[in-house]
Amino acid sequence: MDIQNVMANFKGFNDFGRNPVNGWINRLAFTHQERLAALKFSMLCQKAGLDVYFDFFGNVIARREGRYPELQPVIVGSHIDTVTDGGQYDGLLGVIAALEMVEHLNQHQIETDHPIVIIAFACEESTRFNEATLGSKYLTGKMTRGDMKDIQDNDGNILYDIVQPLAQDMHGKAALFERNNIKAFLELHIEQGPILENKEKDIGIVTHVAAPHRFKLTLHGVTSHSGSTPMPMRSDALTAAAEIILQIEAIGNMYHNQGIVTTVGYANVYPNSMNAIPGEVSLLIDIRGKEVAIREKVVTKIQQQITAICDNRNITYDLNDLGQDQPGTFNSTIGAISEKHCDPLRYSSRYMYSGAGHDAMNFVDICPTSMLFIPCKAGISHSPDESVTTEQIAKGIDVLIATTIDLAQADTVLT
């Protein structure tokens, strides 16, 4: 494994979307910078001798043939888009690691029994469309082209209208794999939390992944003059929003020990003026849990609090359900294979669950699936302060390579 090549690839990809003043990364889904990064990945895959194409949604799919082409492929990948003002490693680690794995196999002339497919997914982040992992949802059949016509970004642009002009004509080319005929899926990612660093572990082997249920809440009060409207006569949408946000936080704390986290990560206030009582506020609410029943119990409690607060404050509201994902349980046999390869490398590891959603969760119900984590400094992610060391990256890729080689052997049976 060539760590210098890996780090050079990080720099090269992150030049797409990097703010030259502060270094922050903005590579939002289907922007020019994100598509340039996808094109760069496709060209590097071609250089590595892979068969490459873009699917309708813009996922980059590349195949390294196995000794027996008819066998089910092993798929490895992650995403290349970022959040607004994001970091350098979220998602991109798994894409660059997959490419480095292929180059390692080529350099050492390692032939695998099963084909290996590596993927750079489009639109994993929910930043633009308020829905996450859309690229892997399309690829696994969980989102259709028809569904895209009902999804809009924050400016009202329809997803299908954005994707369709970018779609590439495959000229009759056959797909490089069938979604219901996959041996395994594996993804390497930064943890995006503090557990590995705090426990001084090199590798996280993920057993479960939590999933979100998301809502857009719009509160309707009455915009009025801040000086001439008496306090008892106000219908202030912002103070109602403040109370709702605190209740969402309190409910999240109440159920935190059961794997729940609750977040209001976006607020838009109208008219947003010092001398006007806010007449309308929009909030985006994110409720995550590793068990659907508990998560939906929390959703119900939050909905009840919204109703009670709005009734008390003479506020009307619209609550738009933005959709929900299903928590997933990963394959224990793949986890054991990864753990086995940590030992001779003298890498410490631990089993853990992921509070963040990932592309991997969309593969759980169609093939054996697993994830590997490496630590990130102070657990910070979705931030310009996102940071990992070269040594941590190298260890993660080492385990990814070893696990994938094992998975791609015909005599490795997954249960």
Protein backbone atom coordinates (compact mmCIF):
# COMPACT_ATOMS: atom_id res chain seq x y z
CA MET A 1 0.00 0.00 0.00
CA ASP A 2 1.41 3.33 -1.12
CA ILE A 3 0.44 5.88 1.54
CA GLN A 4 2.15 8.72 -0.35
CA ASN A 5 -0.11 8.02 -3.33
CA VAL A 6 -3.12 7.95 -1.00
CA MET A 7 -2.32 11.33 0.52
CA ALA A 8 -1.67 12.81 -2.93
CA ASN A 9 -5.10 11.61 -3.98
CA PHE A 10 -6.68 13.30 -0.97
CA LYS A 11 -5.09 16.57 -2.00
CA GLY A 12 -6.09 16.13 -5.63
CA PHE A 13 -9.73 15.36 -4.89
CA ASN A 14 -10.04 18.05 -2.24
CA ASP A 15 -8.79 20.68 -4.65
CA PHE A 16 -12.29 20.29 -6.11
CA GLY A 17 -14.41 22.44 -3.82
CA ARG A 18 -11.66 23.78 -1.57
CA ASN A 19 -12.04 27.40 -0.45
CA PRO A 20 -8.62 28.92 -1.19
CA VAL A 21 -8.95 31.34 1.74
CA ASN A 22 -9.85 29.02 4.64
CA GLY A 23 -9.41 25.52 3.17
CA TRP A 24 -13.00 24.47 3.81
CA ILE A 25 -14.51 21.95 1.40
CA ASN A 26 -17.77 22.55 -0.48
CA ARG A 27 -18.44 19.67 -2.85
CA LEU A 28 -22.23 19.47 -2.70
CA ALA A 29 -24.11 16.89 -4.74
CA PHE A 30 -24.33 17.58 -8.48
CA THR A 31 -22.40 20.82 -8.33
CA HIS A 32 -19.64 21.39 -10.85
CA GLN A 33 -16.92 20.61 -8.30
CA GLU A 34 -18.56 17.35 -7.21
CA ARG A 35 -18.99 16.16 -10.79
CA LEU A 36 -15.36 17.02 -11.55
CA ALA A 37 -14.33 14.85 -8.60
CA ALA A 38 -16.49 12.00 -9.96
CA LEU A 39 -14.86 12.37 -13.37
CA LYS A 40 -11.39 12.31 -11.78
CA PHE A 41 -12.27 9.07 -9.97
CA SER A 42 -13.48 7.50 -13.21
CA MET A 43 -10.26 8.44 -14.99
CA LEU A 44 -8.10 7.02 -12.19
CA CYS A 45 -10.13 3.81 -12.35
CA GLN A 46 -9.54 3.57 -16.10
CA LYS A 47 -5.83 4.17 -15.52
CA ALA A 48 -5.87 1.24 -13.07
CA GLY A 49 -7.29 -0.99 -15.82
CA LEU A 50 -10.87 -1.12 -14.58
CA ASP A 51 -14.04 -1.26 -16.64
CA VAL A 52 -15.84 1.98 -15.73
CA TYR A 53 -19.22 3.64 -16.24
CA PHE A 54 -21.56 6.20 -14.69
CA ASP A 55 -25.07 4.95 -13.94
CA PHE A 56 -28.15 7.14 -14.49
CA PHE A 57 -27.81 8.78 -11.08
CA GLY A 58 -24.15 9.63 -11.51
CA ASN A 59 -22.64 6.92 -9.33
CA VAL A 60 -19.20 5.93 -10.68
CA ILE A 61 -18.94 2.14 -10.92
CA ALA A 62 -15.69 0.34 -11.79
CA ARG A 63 -15.01 -3.39 -12.05
CA ARG A 64 -11.81 -5.41 -11.69
CA GLU A 65 -12.40 -8.80 -13.20
CA GLY A 66 -11.90 -11.94 -11.13
CA ARG A 67 -10.54 -15.35 -12.05
CA TYR A 68 -14.16 -16.47 -12.40
CA PRO A 69 -16.21 -13.61 -13.91
CA GLU A 70 -19.47 -15.44 -13.34
CA LEU A 71 -19.05 -15.28 -9.54
CA GLN A 72 -20.79 -12.61 -7.48
CA PRO A 73 -18.71 -9.44 -7.11
CA VAL A 74 -17.45 -7.97 -3.86
CA ILE A 75 -18.33 -4.27 -3.74
CA VAL A 76 -16.29 -1.62 -1.93
CA GLY A 77 -17.07 2.08 -1.90
CA SER A 78 -18.26 5.29 -0.30
CA HIS A 79 -19.19 8.84 -1.38
CA ILE A 80 -17.43 11.94 -2.71
CA ASP A 81 -19.91 14.73 -1.91
CA THR A 82 -19.63 16.87 1.23
CA VAL A 83 -21.80 18.99 3.48
CA THR A 84 -21.53 22.78 3.33
CA ASP A 85 -18.13 23.87 4.70
CA GLY A 86 -17.20 20.25 5.28
CA GLY A 87 -14.02 18.35 5.99
CA GLN A 88 -11.52 16.48 3.86
CA TYR A 89 -12.11 12.85 4.84
CA ASP A 90 -15.83 12.10 5.31
CA GLY A 91 -16.78 9.71 2.50
CA LEU A 92 -13.69 10.44 0.42
CA LEU A 93 -11.61 8.13 2.64
CA GLY A 94 -13.63 5.11 1.50
CA VAL A 95 -13.43 6.08 -2.18
CA ILE A 96 -9.68 6.68 -2.19
CA ALA A 97 -9.13 3.53 -0.09
CA ALA A 98 -11.08 1.43 -2.60
CA LEU A 99 -8.95 2.78 -5.44
CA GLU A 100 -5.74 2.16 -3.48
CA MET A 101 -6.88 -1.40 -2.80
CA VAL A 102 -7.18 -2.03 -6.55
CA GLU A 103 -3.78 -0.49 -7.21
CA HIS A 104 -2.30 -2.69 -4.46
CA LEU A 105 -3.78 -5.80 -6.09
CA ASN A 106 -2.42 -4.73 -9.46
CA GLN A 107 1.05 -3.93 -8.14
CA HIS A 108 1.34 -7.27 -6.38
CA GLN A 109 -0.37 -9.17 -9.23
CA ILE A 110 -3.00 -10.57 -6.89
CA GLU A 111 -5.82 -12.31 -8.74
CA THR A 112 -9.04 -12.77 -6.83
CA ASP A 113 -11.60 -15.46 -7.54
CA HIS A 114 -14.52 -13.05 -7.38
CA PRO A 115 -14.69 -9.79 -9.34
CA ILE A 116 -14.27 -6.62 -7.28
CA VAL A 117 -16.41 -3.54 -7.96
CA ILE A 118 -15.54 -0.16 -6.48
CA ILE A 119 -18.07 2.68 -6.35
CA ALA A 120 -18.04 6.42 -5.73
CA PHE A 121 -21.63 7.18 -4.71
CA ALA A 122 -23.34 10.44 -5.56
CA CYS A 123 -25.44 12.47 -3.13
CA GLU A 124 -24.84 10.67 0.16
CA GLU A 125 -25.19 13.83 2.20
CA SER A 126 -28.64 15.29 2.90
CA THR A 127 -27.38 18.88 2.67
CA ARG A 128 -28.88 19.71 -0.70
CA PHE A 129 -32.05 17.56 -0.94
CA ASN A 130 -32.80 16.93 2.76
CA GLU A 131 -32.59 13.20 2.06
CA ALA A 132 -29.46 11.11 2.50
CA THR A 133 -27.71 8.23 0.68
CA LEU A 134 -29.66 8.85 -2.53
CA GLY A 135 -26.97 7.39 -4.80
CA SER A 136 -26.88 4.05 -3.01
CA LYS A 137 -30.67 4.07 -2.72
CA TYR A 138 -30.95 4.35 -6.48
CA LEU A 139 -28.36 1.66 -7.04
CA THR A 140 -30.04 -0.77 -4.63
CA GLY A 141 -33.55 -0.10 -5.96
CA LYS A 142 -34.82 1.85 -2.98
CA MET A 143 -35.34 5.00 -5.09
CA THR A 144 -36.66 4.99 -8.64
CA ARG A 145 -36.42 7.56 -11.41
CA GLY A 146 -40.05 8.34 -10.70
CA ASP A 147 -39.25 9.02 -7.05
CA MET A 148 -36.68 11.59 -8.15
CA LYS A 149 -39.47 13.74 -9.61
CA ASP A 150 -40.88 14.24 -6.08
CA ILE A 151 -37.59 15.32 -4.46
CA GLN A 152 -36.50 18.97 -4.49
CA ASP A 153 -33.47 20.82 -3.24
CA ASN A 154 -33.61 23.85 -0.97
CA ASP A 155 -34.08 26.13 -4.01
CA GLY A 156 -36.97 24.14 -5.45
CA ASN A 157 -34.95 22.37 -8.16
CA ILE A 158 -36.32 18.89 -8.90
CA LEU A 159 -33.81 16.06 -8.49
CA TYR A 160 -34.82 14.30 -11.71
CA ASP A 161 -34.38 17.51 -13.71
CA ILE A 162 -30.86 17.87 -12.31
CA VAL A 163 -29.83 14.25 -12.87
CA GLN A 164 -31.37 13.53 -16.27
CA PRO A 165 -29.25 15.96 -18.35
CA LEU A 166 -26.10 14.56 -16.73
CA ALA A 167 -27.00 10.93 -17.42
CA GLN A 168 -24.59 9.15 -19.75
CA ASP A 169 -25.65 6.93 -22.62
CA MET A 170 -24.17 3.49 -22.02
CA HIS A 171 -24.59 2.61 -25.72
CA GLY A 172 -25.93 -0.82 -24.89
CA LYS A 173 -23.16 -1.56 -22.38
CA ALA A 174 -24.18 -4.16 -19.82
CA ALA A 175 -24.21 -3.23 -16.14
CA LEU A 176 -21.10 -4.28 -14.25
CA PHE A 177 -23.14 -6.14 -11.62
CA GLU A 178 -26.70 -7.03 -10.70
CA ARG A 179 -28.06 -5.53 -7.50
CA ASN A 180 -29.50 -8.85 -6.32
CA ASN A 181 -26.36 -10.82 -7.11
CA ILE A 182 -23.64 -9.43 -4.82
CA LYS A 183 -21.38 -11.46 -2.54
CA ALA A 184 -20.61 -8.65 -0.07
CA PHE A 185 -20.45 -4.90 0.41
CA LEU A 186 -17.72 -3.21 2.49
CA GLU A 187 -17.19 0.47 3.34
CA LEU A 188 -14.33 2.22 5.13
CA HIS A 189 -15.21 5.52 6.82
CA ILE A 190 -14.05 7.88 9.52
CA GLU A 191 -15.97 7.24 12.73
CA GLN A 192 -17.48 10.73 13.00
CA GLY A 193 -17.57 10.27 16.76
CA PRO A 194 -15.16 10.12 19.73
CA ILE A 195 -15.31 6.46 20.79
CA LEU A 196 -12.26 5.04 19.00
CA GLU A 197 -10.05 7.94 20.01
CA ASN A 198 -11.23 7.84 23.63
CA LYS A 199 -10.77 4.05 23.82
CA GLU A 200 -7.39 4.27 22.01
CA LYS A 201 -8.46 1.80 19.31
CA ASP A 202 -7.17 1.74 15.73
CA ILE A 203 -10.12 0.12 13.98
CA GLY A 204 -13.85 0.07 14.60
CA ILE A 205 -15.79 -2.93 13.31
CA VAL A 206 -19.37 -1.77 12.91
CA THR A 207 -22.16 -4.09 14.04
CA HIS A 208 -25.23 -1.87 13.60
CA VAL A 209 -26.07 1.44 11.95
CA ALA A 210 -28.68 3.86 13.24
CA ALA A 211 -30.98 5.61 10.80
CA PRO A 212 -32.87 8.91 10.72
CA HIS A 213 -36.48 10.00 10.48
CA ARG A 214 -36.57 13.60 9.26
CA PHE A 215 -39.17 16.36 9.19
CA LYS A 216 -39.58 19.91 7.99
CA LEU A 217 -41.62 21.98 10.44
CA THR A 218 -43.04 25.35 9.36
CA LEU A 219 -44.52 27.53 12.09
CA HIS A 220 -47.00 30.30 11.19
CA GLY A 221 -47.44 33.24 13.53
CA VAL A 222 -48.22 36.88 12.81
CA THR A 223 -45.56 39.34 11.68
CA SER A 224 -46.01 42.64 13.51
CA HIS A 225 -44.13 45.65 14.84
CA SER A 226 -41.85 44.78 17.72
CA GLY A 227 -42.48 48.04 19.54
CA SER A 228 -46.23 48.48 19.27
CA THR A 229 -47.49 44.91 19.73
CA PRO A 230 -48.14 44.11 23.44
CA MET A 231 -46.50 40.95 24.75
CA PRO A 232 -49.79 39.13 25.54
CA MET A 233 -51.09 39.78 22.00
CA ARG A 234 -48.20 38.30 20.06
CA SER A 235 -48.12 35.20 17.88
CA ASP A 236 -44.35 34.86 17.70
CA ALA A 237 -43.22 31.97 15.52
CA LEU A 238 -39.62 32.22 16.69
CA THR A 239 -40.30 31.92 20.42
CA ALA A 240 -42.50 28.92 19.63
CA ALA A 241 -39.62 27.47 17.62
CA ALA A 242 -37.23 28.06 20.52
CA GLU A 243 -39.49 26.18 22.92
CA ILE A 244 -39.93 23.34 20.43
CA ILE A 245 -36.17 23.06 19.87
CA LEU A 246 -35.55 22.79 23.61
CA GLN A 247 -38.25 20.12 23.93
CA ILE A 248 -36.70 18.14 21.06
CA GLU A 249 -33.36 18.30 22.87
CA ALA A 250 -34.95 17.25 26.18
CA ILE A 251 -36.71 14.26 24.61
CA GLY A 252 -33.45 13.23 22.93
CA ASN A 253 -31.69 13.32 26.30
CA MET A 254 -34.52 11.32 27.86
CA TYR A 255 -34.00 8.48 25.35
CA HIS A 256 -30.26 8.82 24.77
CA ASN A 257 -29.45 5.62 26.67
CA GLN A 258 -31.70 3.78 24.22
CA GLY A 259 -29.65 4.91 21.23
CA ILE A 260 -31.58 8.08 20.33
CA VAL A 261 -30.19 11.43 19.21
CA THR A 262 -32.33 14.41 18.18
CA THR A 263 -31.20 17.50 16.30
CA VAL A 264 -32.60 20.69 14.84
CA GLY A 265 -29.85 21.59 12.41
CA TYR A 266 -31.53 24.28 10.31
CA ALA A 267 -33.72 27.31 10.99
CA ASN A 268 -35.06 29.94 8.62
CA VAL A 269 -36.76 32.99 10.12
CA TYR A 270 -39.07 35.45 8.33
CA PRO A 271 -38.80 38.41 8.10
CA ASN A 272 -35.57 38.09 10.12
CA SER A 273 -35.52 41.72 11.16
CA MET A 274 -34.69 43.20 14.56
CA ASN A 275 -37.84 45.32 14.75
CA ALA A 276 -40.37 42.76 13.50
CA ILE A 277 -41.99 39.87 15.36
CA PRO A 278 -41.16 36.72 13.37
CA GLY A 279 -44.21 35.53 11.51
CA GLU A 280 -42.81 32.32 10.06
CA VAL A 281 -40.03 29.91 11.01
CA SER A 282 -38.96 26.73 9.25
CA LEU A 283 -37.00 24.01 11.06
CA LEU A 284 -35.39 20.79 9.84
CA ILE A 285 -35.62 18.04 12.46
CA ASP A 286 -33.42 14.92 12.51
CA ILE A 287 -34.33 12.02 14.81
CA ARG A 288 -32.01 9.01 14.80
CA GLY A 289 -32.09 5.63 16.47
CA LYS A 290 -30.82 2.09 16.09
CA GLU A 291 -34.25 0.58 16.79
CA VAL A 292 -37.28 1.67 14.77
CA ALA A 293 -39.81 1.15 17.57
CA ILE A 294 -37.97 3.41 20.02
CA ARG A 295 -37.23 6.01 17.34
CA GLU A 296 -40.88 6.21 16.31
CA LYS A 297 -41.94 6.48 19.95
CA VAL A 298 -39.69 9.54 20.17
CA VAL A 299 -41.19 10.90 16.94
CA THR A 300 -44.67 10.64 18.47
CA LYS A 301 -43.59 12.44 21.64
CA ILE A 302 -42.03 15.25 19.62
CA GLN A 303 -45.15 15.60 17.48
CA GLN A 304 -47.25 15.83 20.65
CA GLN A 305 -45.01 18.56 22.04
CA ILE A 306 -45.19 20.53 18.80
CA THR A 307 -48.98 20.45 18.92
CA ALA A 308 -49.14 21.45 22.59
CA ILE A 309 -46.67 24.33 22.24
CA CYS A 310 -48.34 25.70 19.12
CA ASP A 311 -51.81 25.53 20.69
CA ASN A 312 -50.55 27.34 23.76
CA ARG A 313 -48.88 30.07 21.71
CA ASN A 314 -51.61 30.56 19.09
CA ILE A 315 -49.35 29.28 16.32
CA THR A 316 -50.37 27.09 13.38
CA TYR A 317 -47.95 24.70 11.76
CA ASP A 318 -47.24 22.34 8.88
CA LEU A 319 -45.19 19.22 9.58
CA ASN A 320 -43.81 17.66 6.42
CA ASP A 321 -42.40 14.13 6.71
CA LEU A 322 -39.16 14.04 4.69
CA GLY A 323 -38.83 10.29 4.97
CA GLN A 324 -37.11 7.69 7.09
CA ASP A 325 -34.37 5.11 6.69
CA GLN A 326 -34.22 1.72 8.31
CA PRO A 327 -31.51 0.87 10.85
CA GLY A 328 -29.32 -2.03 9.79
CA THR A 329 -27.46 -4.95 11.33
CA PHE A 330 -24.16 -5.79 9.65
CA ASN A 331 -22.79 -9.22 8.86
CA SER A 332 -20.93 -10.76 11.79
CA THR A 333 -18.85 -13.10 9.60
CA ILE A 334 -17.32 -10.18 7.70
CA GLY A 335 -16.72 -8.45 11.03
CA ALA A 336 -14.87 -11.50 12.29
CA ILE A 337 -12.74 -11.57 9.13
CA SER A 338 -11.73 -7.93 9.69
CA GLU A 339 -10.95 -8.64 13.34
CA LYS A 340 -8.82 -11.63 12.30
CA HIS A 341 -6.71 -9.43 10.03
CA CYS A 342 -6.18 -6.79 12.73
CA ASP A 343 -4.33 -9.23 14.96
CA PRO A 344 -1.23 -9.99 12.80
CA LEU A 345 -1.01 -6.29 11.92
CA ARG A 346 -1.05 -5.50 15.66
CA TYR A 347 -3.92 -3.08 15.20
CA SER A 348 -6.28 -2.76 18.13
CA SER A 349 -9.99 -2.99 17.34
CA ARG A 350 -13.42 -2.92 18.92
CA TYR A 351 -16.96 -3.71 17.85
CA MET A 352 -19.27 -0.69 17.84
CA TYR A 353 -22.42 0.74 16.30
CA SER A 354 -22.68 3.79 14.06
CA GLY A 355 -24.91 6.68 15.04
CA ALA A 356 -24.47 8.18 11.57
CA GLY A 357 -26.15 6.77 8.49
CA HIS A 358 -24.03 5.50 5.59
CA ASP A 359 -24.40 4.11 2.08
CA ALA A 360 -23.67 0.66 3.52
CA MET A 361 -27.04 0.53 5.28
CA ASN A 362 -28.84 0.37 1.92
CA PHE A 363 -27.06 -2.91 1.09
CA VAL A 364 -27.98 -4.75 4.29
CA ASP A 365 -31.13 -6.38 2.90
CA ILE A 366 -29.58 -7.43 -0.42
CA CYS A 367 -26.16 -8.85 0.55
CA PRO A 368 -23.82 -9.44 3.52
CA THR A 369 -22.58 -5.98 4.50
CA SER A 370 -19.98 -4.51 6.84
CA MET A 371 -18.21 -1.27 7.70
CA LEU A 372 -14.81 -0.32 9.11
CA PHE A 373 -14.10 2.88 11.03
CA ILE A 374 -10.91 4.74 11.80
CA PRO A 375 -10.71 7.41 14.53
CA CYS A 376 -11.06 11.11 13.83
CA LYS A 377 -9.69 13.82 16.10
CA ALA A 378 -12.09 14.65 18.97
CA GLY A 379 -14.83 12.86 17.03
CA ILE A 380 -15.40 15.97 14.91
CA SER A 381 -16.89 15.58 11.42
CA HIS A 382 -19.07 17.57 9.02
CA SER A 383 -16.74 20.42 9.89
CA PRO A 384 -13.56 22.04 8.56
CA ASP A 385 -11.94 20.78 11.79
CA GLU A 386 -12.36 17.16 10.69
CA SER A 387 -8.92 15.56 11.08
CA VAL A 388 -7.25 12.15 10.86
CA THR A 389 -3.59 11.16 10.76
CA THR A 390 -1.71 9.51 7.92
CA GLU A 391 -1.04 6.53 10.19
CA GLN A 392 -4.77 6.11 10.94
CA ILE A 393 -5.58 6.20 7.23
CA ALA A 394 -2.91 3.61 6.46
CA LYS A 395 -4.20 1.24 9.13
CA GLY A 396 -7.75 1.50 7.85
CA ILE A 397 -6.70 0.77 4.27
CA ASP A 398 -4.54 -2.17 5.39
CA VAL A 399 -7.54 -3.82 7.03
CA LEU A 400 -9.79 -2.97 4.09
CA ILE A 401 -7.37 -4.60 1.65
CA ALA A 402 -6.93 -7.74 3.74
CA THR A 403 -10.67 -8.12 4.35
CA THR A 404 -11.54 -7.60 0.68
CA ILE A 405 -8.97 -10.14 -0.53
CA ASP A 406 -10.44 -12.65 1.89
CA LEU A 407 -14.01 -11.90 0.80
CA ALA A 408 -13.07 -12.24 -2.87
CA GLN A 409 -11.87 -15.83 -2.47
CA ALA A 410 -14.30 -18.50 -3.58
CA ASP A 411 -13.80 -20.58 -0.44
CA THR A 412 -14.82 -17.70 1.88
CA VAL A 413 -18.41 -18.49 2.81
CA LEU A 414 -20.57 -15.79 4.41
CA THR A 415 -23.42 -16.70 6.72
